[in-house]
Protein backbone atom coordinates (compact mmCIF):
# COMPACT_ATOMS: atom_id res chain seq x y z
CA MET A 1 6.22 6.12 -3.53
CA THR A 2 4.92 3.26 -5.74
CA ALA A 3 8.49 1.85 -5.59
CA PHE A 4 7.73 0.79 -1.96
CA ILE A 5 4.36 -0.89 -2.59
CA GLN A 6 5.68 -4.35 -1.59
CA GLN A 7 6.70 -3.01 1.79
CA GLY A 8 3.31 -1.44 2.04
CA GLN A 9 1.64 -4.71 1.38
CA ASP A 10 3.90 -6.52 3.85
CA MET A 11 3.09 -3.98 6.56
CA HIS A 12 -0.59 -4.27 6.05
CA ALA A 13 -0.45 -7.99 6.22
CA TRP A 14 1.46 -7.71 9.57
CA ALA A 15 -1.07 -5.29 10.88
CA SER A 16 -3.89 -7.65 9.83
CA ASP A 17 -2.20 -10.49 11.93
CA LEU A 18 -1.80 -8.24 14.90
CA PHE A 19 -5.18 -6.50 14.89
CA PRO A 20 -7.25 -9.06 16.91
CA ILE A 21 -4.82 -9.10 19.81
CA MET A 22 -5.98 -7.71 23.21
CA ARG A 23 -3.11 -5.41 23.93
CA SER A 24 -2.98 -3.11 26.99
CA LEU A 25 -0.42 -1.45 29.30
CA SER A 26 0.88 -4.94 30.22
CA GLY A 27 0.09 -8.56 29.94
CA PRO A 28 -0.06 -11.41 27.48
CA GLY A 29 -1.22 -9.31 24.53
CA VAL A 30 1.89 -7.12 24.65
CA ARG A 31 4.11 -10.20 24.88
CA GLN A 32 2.28 -11.82 22.00
CA THR A 33 2.73 -8.70 19.79
CA LEU A 34 6.42 -8.45 20.67
CA ASP A 35 6.92 -12.15 19.90
CA TYR A 36 5.40 -11.64 16.47
CA LEU A 37 7.65 -8.67 15.76
CA GLN A 38 10.64 -10.59 17.05
CA ASN A 39 10.05 -13.24 14.29
CA LEU A 40 10.29 -10.33 11.74
CA LEU A 41 13.33 -8.71 13.51
CA PRO A 42 15.50 -11.58 14.87
CA GLY A 43 17.81 -9.13 16.68
CA LEU A 44 14.83 -7.68 18.79
CA GLU A 45 15.37 -8.26 22.51
CA ILE A 46 12.32 -8.40 24.82
CA HIS A 47 12.73 -6.85 28.30
CA SER A 48 10.64 -6.56 31.38
CA VAL A 49 10.22 -4.02 34.26
CA GLU A 50 8.60 -5.46 37.36
CA SER A 51 5.38 -4.10 38.97
CA GLY A 52 6.19 -1.76 41.73
CA THR A 53 9.37 -0.46 40.14
CA LYS A 54 9.91 3.25 40.65
CA CYS A 55 10.61 5.07 37.41
CA PHE A 56 11.06 8.82 37.93
CA ASP A 57 7.67 9.98 39.33
CA TRP A 58 5.79 6.78 38.16
CA THR A 59 5.40 3.27 39.55
CA VAL A 60 4.95 0.26 37.27
CA PRO A 61 1.39 -0.94 37.98
CA ASP A 62 0.08 -4.41 38.40
CA GLU A 63 -0.06 -6.61 35.27
CA TRP A 64 -3.52 -7.03 33.62
CA THR A 65 -4.47 -10.48 32.09
CA PHE A 66 -7.67 -10.50 30.16
CA ARG A 67 -9.62 -13.76 29.41
CA ALA A 68 -13.19 -12.81 28.61
CA ALA A 69 -15.86 -10.08 29.23
CA TRP A 70 -19.56 -10.07 28.38
CA ILE A 71 -23.06 -8.80 29.37
CA GLU A 72 -26.18 -11.15 29.21
CA ASP A 73 -29.81 -10.20 29.52
CA GLU A 74 -32.25 -12.28 31.50
CA ALA A 75 -32.96 -14.50 28.60
CA GLY A 76 -29.27 -15.38 28.24
CA ASN A 77 -28.60 -13.28 25.19
CA ARG A 78 -25.11 -11.72 25.14
CA VAL A 79 -25.75 -8.14 24.33
CA ILE A 80 -22.04 -7.20 24.53
CA ASP A 81 -19.11 -9.63 24.14
CA ALA A 82 -15.34 -8.62 24.07
CA ALA A 83 -14.88 -11.73 21.96
CA ASN A 84 -16.52 -9.77 19.16
CA HIS A 85 -14.36 -6.67 19.46
CA THR A 86 -11.48 -5.98 22.00
CA LEU A 87 -12.69 -2.31 22.57
CA HIS A 88 -15.98 -3.71 24.19
CA VAL A 89 -14.22 -3.96 27.53
CA VAL A 90 -12.74 -0.93 29.39
CA ASN A 91 -9.00 -1.64 29.26
CA TYR A 92 -7.58 -2.61 32.68
CA SER A 93 -11.03 -3.56 34.06
CA GLU A 94 -10.99 -5.37 37.41
CA PRO A 95 -12.86 -8.69 37.55
CA VAL A 96 -16.50 -8.74 38.18
CA ASP A 97 -19.48 -11.20 38.06
CA ARG A 98 -22.88 -9.82 39.21
CA TRP A 99 -26.44 -9.03 38.27
CA LEU A 100 -27.39 -5.39 37.79
CA SER A 101 -30.41 -3.52 36.75
CA LEU A 102 -30.03 -1.35 33.74
CA ASP A 103 -29.98 1.81 35.85
CA GLU A 104 -27.20 0.20 37.92
CA LEU A 105 -25.26 -0.80 34.76
CA GLN A 106 -25.43 2.58 32.97
CA PRO A 107 -22.57 4.28 34.94
CA HIS A 108 -20.36 1.37 33.70
CA LEU A 109 -21.26 1.81 30.08
CA TYR A 110 -19.41 4.11 27.68
CA SER A 111 -20.50 5.32 24.24
CA ALA A 112 -19.84 8.21 22.01
CA PRO A 113 -23.01 10.07 20.69
CA GLU A 114 -20.91 12.04 18.29
CA THR A 115 -19.87 8.78 16.61
CA PRO A 116 -22.85 6.61 17.16
CA ASP A 117 -21.82 3.67 15.04
CA TRP A 118 -18.36 3.16 16.63
CA ILE A 119 -17.20 1.69 19.84
CA PRO A 120 -15.03 4.11 21.93
CA TYR A 121 -11.69 3.15 23.41
CA VAL A 122 -11.69 3.68 27.22
CA THR A 123 -8.96 2.77 29.77
CA SER A 124 -8.65 2.91 33.57
CA TYR A 125 -4.90 2.01 34.10
CA TYR A 126 -4.25 3.68 37.49
CA ARG A 127 -7.65 3.49 39.18
CA ARG A 128 -9.50 0.25 39.99
CA HIS A 129 -12.69 0.26 37.83
CA TRP A 130 -14.52 -1.85 35.45
CA GLY A 131 -16.76 -1.11 32.42
CA PHE A 132 -17.93 -1.90 29.00
CA CYS A 133 -17.94 0.21 25.73
CA LEU A 134 -20.50 -0.07 22.92
CA THR A 135 -21.92 1.98 20.06
CA HIS A 136 -24.34 4.67 21.14
CA ASN A 137 -26.82 3.21 18.85
CA GLN A 138 -26.51 -0.19 20.56
CA ARG A 139 -26.79 1.52 23.97
CA GLN A 140 -30.07 3.19 23.02
CA THR A 141 -31.57 -0.33 22.33
CA LEU A 142 -30.91 -1.78 25.86
CA GLN A 143 -34.21 -2.52 27.58
CA PRO A 144 -34.96 -2.14 31.25
CA GLY A 145 -34.27 -5.32 33.18
CA ARG A 146 -31.59 -7.22 34.90
CA TYR A 147 -28.14 -8.00 33.35
CA ARG A 148 -25.38 -10.33 34.20
CA VAL A 149 -22.03 -8.72 33.84
CA VAL A 150 -18.83 -10.89 33.68
CA ILE A 151 -15.23 -9.60 33.31
CA ASP A 152 -12.81 -12.41 33.76
CA THR A 153 -9.50 -10.74 34.30
CA ASP A 154 -6.50 -10.66 36.75
CA LEU A 155 -4.76 -7.58 38.24
CA LYS A 156 -1.71 -8.65 40.10
CA PRO A 157 1.98 -8.06 40.36
CA GLY A 158 3.92 -8.88 37.10
CA CYS A 159 5.67 -6.66 34.70
CA ILE A 160 5.53 -4.36 31.78
CA ASN A 161 7.42 -5.41 28.59
CA TYR A 162 9.26 -3.67 25.76
CA GLY A 163 11.31 -4.55 22.75
CA GLU A 164 14.65 -3.09 21.84
CA LEU A 165 16.73 -3.48 18.68
CA ILE A 166 20.17 -1.93 18.53
CA LEU A 167 21.75 -1.74 15.11
CA PRO A 168 25.49 -0.61 15.49
CA GLY A 169 26.85 1.88 13.09
CA ARG A 170 30.32 3.28 12.25
CA GLU A 171 29.73 5.95 14.94
CA THR A 172 28.33 5.62 18.44
CA ASP A 173 25.97 8.56 18.02
CA GLU A 174 22.37 7.30 17.57
CA ILE A 175 19.10 7.74 15.74
CA LEU A 176 16.08 6.85 17.87
CA ILE A 177 12.94 5.25 16.41
CA SER A 178 10.19 4.66 18.97
CA THR A 179 6.76 3.33 18.73
CA TYR A 180 4.18 1.88 21.03
CA VAL A 181 2.40 -1.59 21.31
CA CYS A 182 -0.31 -1.09 23.95
CA HIS A 183 -3.48 -0.22 22.15
CA PRO A 184 -6.00 -3.00 21.24
CA SER A 185 -7.63 -3.33 17.79
CA MET A 186 -7.01 0.06 16.22
CA ALA A 187 -5.12 0.19 12.96
CA ASN A 188 -3.78 3.71 12.33
CA ASN A 189 -3.26 4.94 15.88
CA GLU A 190 -1.75 1.73 17.00
CA LEU A 191 -0.49 -0.74 14.48
CA SER A 192 0.77 1.49 11.77
CA GLY A 193 3.66 2.64 14.01
CA PRO A 194 4.96 -0.86 14.95
CA VAL A 195 4.72 -2.26 11.45
CA LEU A 196 6.63 0.76 10.08
CA ALA A 197 9.23 0.54 12.68
CA THR A 198 9.66 -3.02 11.80
CA ALA A 199 9.95 -2.41 8.07
CA LEU A 200 12.52 0.27 8.77
CA GLY A 201 14.46 -2.05 11.05
CA ARG A 202 14.65 -4.57 8.31
CA TRP A 203 15.71 -2.01 5.74
CA LEU A 204 18.40 -0.57 8.05
CA SER A 205 19.69 -4.03 9.05
CA GLU A 206 20.81 -4.45 5.39
CA ARG A 207 22.52 -1.09 4.98
CA ASP A 208 25.95 0.15 5.80
CA ARG A 209 25.13 2.46 8.64
CA ARG A 210 26.99 5.66 9.74
CA PHE A 211 24.78 6.01 12.83
CA THR A 212 23.80 3.47 15.44
CA TYR A 213 20.04 2.91 15.51
CA ARG A 214 17.95 2.44 18.59
CA ILE A 215 14.44 1.04 17.73
CA VAL A 216 12.14 0.62 20.70
CA PHE A 217 8.60 -0.92 20.88
CA LEU A 218 7.06 0.31 24.25
CA VAL A 219 3.75 0.65 25.88
CA GLU A 220 2.85 4.31 25.61
CA THR A 221 3.77 6.69 28.49
CA MET A 222 4.61 4.19 31.22
CA GLY A 223 6.85 2.25 28.89
CA ALA A 224 8.64 5.31 27.68
CA VAL A 225 9.11 6.56 31.30
CA ALA A 226 10.44 3.16 32.32
CA TYR A 227 12.74 2.89 29.30
CA LEU A 228 14.21 6.40 29.89
CA SER A 229 14.72 5.66 33.59
CA ARG A 230 17.15 2.92 32.44
CA HIS A 231 18.76 4.62 29.52
CA TRP A 232 18.40 8.33 29.68
CA HIS A 233 21.99 9.19 30.62
CA HIS A 234 23.37 7.29 27.57
CA MET A 235 20.56 8.66 25.20
CA LYS A 236 21.26 12.28 26.31
CA THR A 237 24.81 11.96 25.32
CA HIS A 238 24.42 9.93 21.98
CA THR A 239 21.00 10.77 20.48
CA LYS A 240 21.40 12.94 17.39
CA ALA A 241 17.72 12.68 16.23
CA GLY A 242 14.71 10.69 17.01
CA PHE A 243 11.20 10.07 15.75
CA VAL A 244 8.05 8.63 17.32
CA LEU A 245 6.16 6.54 14.75
CA SER A 246 2.29 6.85 15.20
CA CYS A 247 -0.70 7.37 12.85
CA VAL A 248 1.43 6.65 9.71
CA GLY A 249 -0.85 4.32 7.66
CA ASP A 250 -3.60 6.39 6.04
CA GLU A 251 -3.64 8.42 2.82
CA ARG A 252 -5.00 11.69 4.02
CA GLY A 253 -1.83 13.77 3.72
CA TYR A 254 1.13 14.45 5.95
CA SER A 255 1.46 16.07 9.40
CA PHE A 256 4.42 17.23 11.35
CA LEU A 257 4.82 17.69 15.12
CA PRO A 258 8.19 19.21 16.18
CA SER A 259 10.19 18.52 19.18
CA ARG A 260 9.76 20.94 22.14
CA ARG A 261 12.76 23.11 20.98
CA GLY A 262 11.61 22.96 17.37
CA ASP A 263 15.02 23.39 15.75
CA THR A 264 16.86 20.17 16.33
CA LEU A 265 18.40 18.05 13.69
CA ALA A 266 15.40 15.90 13.70
CA ASP A 267 13.09 18.85 13.15
CA ARG A 268 15.22 20.10 10.26
CA ALA A 269 15.55 16.77 8.62
CA ALA A 270 11.88 16.09 8.92
CA ARG A 271 10.83 19.41 7.37
CA ARG A 272 13.30 19.01 4.57
CA ALA A 273 12.13 15.42 3.86
CA LEU A 274 8.46 16.59 3.93
CA ARG A 275 9.22 19.41 1.47
CA ASP A 276 11.07 17.12 -0.81
CA ILE A 277 8.26 14.66 -0.99
CA ALA A 278 5.01 16.63 -0.44
CA GLY A 279 6.08 20.20 -1.41
CA GLU A 280 4.05 22.46 0.91
CA ASP A 281 1.19 19.98 1.08
CA TRP A 282 1.58 19.06 4.76
CA LYS A 283 0.26 20.34 8.07
CA THR A 284 2.40 21.60 10.92
CA TYR A 285 1.33 21.33 14.50
CA SER A 286 2.72 22.96 17.62
CA PHE A 287 4.49 21.03 20.42
CA LEU A 288 1.55 22.36 22.50
CA GLN A 289 -0.53 19.75 20.55
CA ARG A 290 1.65 16.84 21.54
CA GLY A 291 0.15 13.54 22.72
CA SER A 292 2.44 10.60 22.36
CA ASP A 293 5.82 9.68 23.81
CA GLU A 294 7.42 12.86 22.54
CA ARG A 295 6.04 14.13 25.84
CA GLN A 296 8.57 12.03 27.64
CA TYR A 297 11.57 12.26 25.27
CA CYS A 298 11.33 16.08 25.01
CA SER A 299 10.53 16.77 28.75
CA PRO A 300 12.94 19.48 30.04
CA LEU A 301 15.33 17.28 32.05
CA ILE A 302 15.44 14.62 29.29
CA ASP A 303 15.38 16.99 26.25
CA LEU A 304 16.05 14.63 23.44
CA PRO A 305 15.72 15.80 19.80
CA VAL A 306 12.47 13.86 18.96
CA ALA A 307 9.78 14.78 16.39
CA LEU A 308 6.93 13.11 14.55
CA MET A 309 6.05 12.80 10.94
CA MET A 310 2.57 11.39 10.57
CA ARG A 311 -0.30 11.10 8.11
CA SER A 312 -3.47 12.14 9.94
CA LYS A 313 -2.43 13.28 13.44
CA PHE A 314 -3.69 11.50 16.47
CA GLY A 315 -6.86 13.22 17.78
CA GLU A 316 -7.48 14.82 14.51
CA TYR A 317 -9.15 12.24 12.40
CA PRO A 318 -12.74 11.01 12.94
CA GLU A 319 -11.96 7.38 13.66
CA TYR A 320 -9.40 8.08 16.36
CA HIS A 321 -9.66 5.96 19.58
CA THR A 322 -12.75 4.12 18.21
CA SER A 323 -13.63 0.93 16.50
CA GLY A 324 -13.80 2.95 13.25
CA ASP A 325 -9.97 2.95 13.26
CA ASP A 326 -9.96 -0.50 11.56
CA LEU A 327 -7.81 -2.05 8.83
CA SER A 328 -9.74 -0.08 6.12
CA VAL A 329 -8.26 3.19 7.46
CA ILE A 330 -4.72 2.15 6.74
CA THR A 331 -3.72 1.05 3.30
CA PRO A 332 -0.63 -0.52 1.61
CA GLN A 333 -0.19 2.73 -0.25
CA GLY A 334 -0.37 4.83 2.79
CA LEU A 335 2.13 2.64 4.65
CA ALA A 336 4.35 2.54 1.58
CA ASP A 337 4.42 6.41 1.37
CA SER A 338 5.29 6.67 5.02
CA PHE A 339 8.12 4.04 4.57
CA GLY A 340 9.33 6.13 1.58
CA LEU A 341 9.20 9.38 3.74
CA TYR A 342 11.11 7.83 6.63
CA THR A 343 13.73 6.12 4.51
CA HIS A 344 14.33 9.52 2.75
CA THR A 345 14.70 11.15 6.10
CA LEU A 346 17.12 8.53 7.46
CA ASP A 347 19.17 8.48 4.28
CA LEU A 348 19.40 12.37 4.49
CA LEU A 349 20.60 12.11 8.18
CA GLU A 350 23.21 9.46 7.12
CA LYS A 351 24.66 11.64 4.37
CA ASN A 352 24.41 14.96 6.18
CA ARG A 353 27.55 16.91 6.70
CA LYS A 354 28.96 20.45 6.58
CA LEU A 355 30.85 21.53 3.47
CA ARG A 356 33.08 24.42 2.52
CA ALA A 357 34.16 25.74 -0.76
CA THR A 358 37.95 25.41 -1.45
CA LEU A 359 38.55 28.28 -3.83
CA ALA A 360 38.17 32.04 -3.52
CA CYS A 361 35.50 33.48 -5.98
CA GLU A 362 33.45 31.19 -8.20
CA PRO A 363 35.53 28.44 -9.81
CA GLN A 364 35.72 28.06 -13.63
CA LEU A 365 33.28 25.14 -14.07
CA GLY A 366 33.78 24.95 -17.82
CA LYS A 367 37.35 23.78 -17.77
CA ARG A 368 36.25 21.03 -15.42
CA GLY A 369 33.40 19.89 -17.71
CA LEU A 370 30.83 21.15 -15.27
CA TYR A 371 29.43 23.92 -17.36
CA PRO A 372 27.71 23.19 -20.66
CA THR A 373 29.53 24.31 -23.80
CA ILE A 374 26.17 25.21 -25.37
CA SER A 375 24.31 27.66 -23.11
CA THR A 376 20.52 27.33 -22.95
CA ARG A 377 18.02 28.38 -20.40
CA ASP A 378 17.91 24.76 -19.00
CA SER A 379 21.77 24.42 -18.96
CA TYR A 380 22.01 27.76 -17.29
CA LEU A 381 19.60 26.74 -14.55
CA GLN A 382 21.52 23.43 -13.95
CA ALA A 383 24.87 25.33 -13.63
CA GLN A 384 23.18 28.02 -11.48
CA THR A 385 22.18 25.43 -8.92
CA MET A 386 25.76 24.18 -8.69
CA VAL A 387 26.93 27.79 -8.27
CA ASP A 388 24.29 28.40 -5.64
CA VAL A 389 25.51 25.46 -3.57
CA LEU A 390 29.13 26.87 -3.78
CA ALA A 391 27.88 30.31 -2.86
CA TYR A 392 26.49 29.04 0.43
CA ALA A 393 29.16 26.41 1.24
CA ASP A 394 30.94 28.49 3.79
CA GLY A 395 31.46 25.56 6.29
CA SER A 396 28.64 26.63 8.63
CA LEU A 397 25.79 24.95 6.68
CA ASP A 398 25.08 21.22 6.42
CA ILE A 399 23.37 19.61 3.50
CA ILE A 400 19.86 20.14 5.06
CA ALA A 401 20.59 23.91 5.54
CA LEU A 402 22.05 24.12 2.00
CA ALA A 403 18.94 22.68 0.50
CA ASP A 404 16.81 25.04 2.57
CA ALA A 405 18.89 28.03 1.53
CA ILE A 406 18.84 27.48 -2.10
CA GLY A 407 15.27 26.04 -2.34
CA GLN A 408 16.24 22.73 -3.78
CA LYS A 409 15.53 19.13 -2.87
CA ALA A 410 18.08 17.40 -0.67
CA SER A 411 18.72 14.72 -3.23
CA THR A 412 19.64 17.48 -5.82
CA VAL A 413 22.00 19.06 -3.35
CA LEU A 414 23.52 15.83 -2.37
CA SER A 415 24.30 14.92 -5.93
CA ILE A 416 25.82 18.23 -6.69
CA CYS A 417 27.91 18.15 -3.61
CA ASP A 418 29.21 14.61 -4.53
CA THR A 419 30.26 16.10 -7.96
CA LEU A 420 31.92 19.19 -6.40
CA LEU A 421 33.79 17.09 -3.81
CA ALA A 422 35.02 14.71 -6.50
CA HIS A 423 36.50 17.81 -8.34
CA GLY A 424 37.98 19.19 -5.17
CA LEU A 425 35.80 22.29 -5.16
CA LEU A 426 34.27 21.37 -1.69
CA GLU A 427 35.65 19.89 1.41
CA VAL A 428 34.06 18.31 4.44
CA VAL A 429 34.52 20.28 7.53
CA TRP A 430 32.14 18.18 9.71
CA ASP A 431 31.06 14.67 9.09
């Protein structure tokens, strides 16, 4: 995927710009992130859903505004300061300003003994609470005494925000690309998704599109629920395939998490693209191991064909949901490879169609210049692949299924089908 290294470098630069922002379920950090992405995607529209709005079984919570959070010892030394890392404060902490003993403070401190050098990511979106996160090694150094804790935040009615880019195609059927913009400074779990979605949006905007593309930047879970509450009837009718973009920036291999049904067009296209690019060197998970917005898109009454192609799956790599998930975890090459995987998948979806042979028995390829006049092993294998395509082109299989049936890359099958269509040996029965 070295051909896409410039895109990888661009995406890594965007992630570096976005990394310091204090994102959450709502608030200025989300809007700042969406404003940045809007400058890269001029057609991106930013929408809001007010606090208190009922969305299926959920209610949009109050908006969280963060300004500062720190802990000082009796000598005035700041032992923890969210200005040094956004993960130091429990996300959605209510305001506090008080003196506490270390014993009183401990229930409000969060660390991870299993990763003692990293700050864990902790949230409390739907229960009023406050707290601080720190490395376990740092926690072990805290001395008995009194500490002043200050969290300067607001929790009051406001809204959640999301970004939406609709790229119309020749058809009204849609491909969904969804990602989330709610996690603070984490690179692979958070920022790799939005920067890849942005790069794909820019790539798609310059192409002649068969399908319409719906690209959304949401806050995870609540944002997806709110978005579906507004659009699910339309999406159920028009969504042909969809993908959630998350954890797509490292170089540790590829992962696949199918839709709930497991056999949708999105699933088949993703598996074919992964085989084309990575052979069999990728890991498949079960929908029982879901964890992102596929939970909402694939829920039974919504039932959209949405899958995930990732690098290291969320929850499965050591830096996940810690300060260890920094900009060194994602690389320009890792992002470039994911860009190549997704553009290959979308290109396959754009060109996918069902084909049927037009002649009984095998056609005589030689008189059409499609069979080599000098027969060698290699020339036989090339011709055999063409014959194999014709053998399975009964009108019931699309390009993806043909490639699976004969064990060839989709690009090979597409090229052969174009040749056979040009010679009148195939016809399109579904486009």
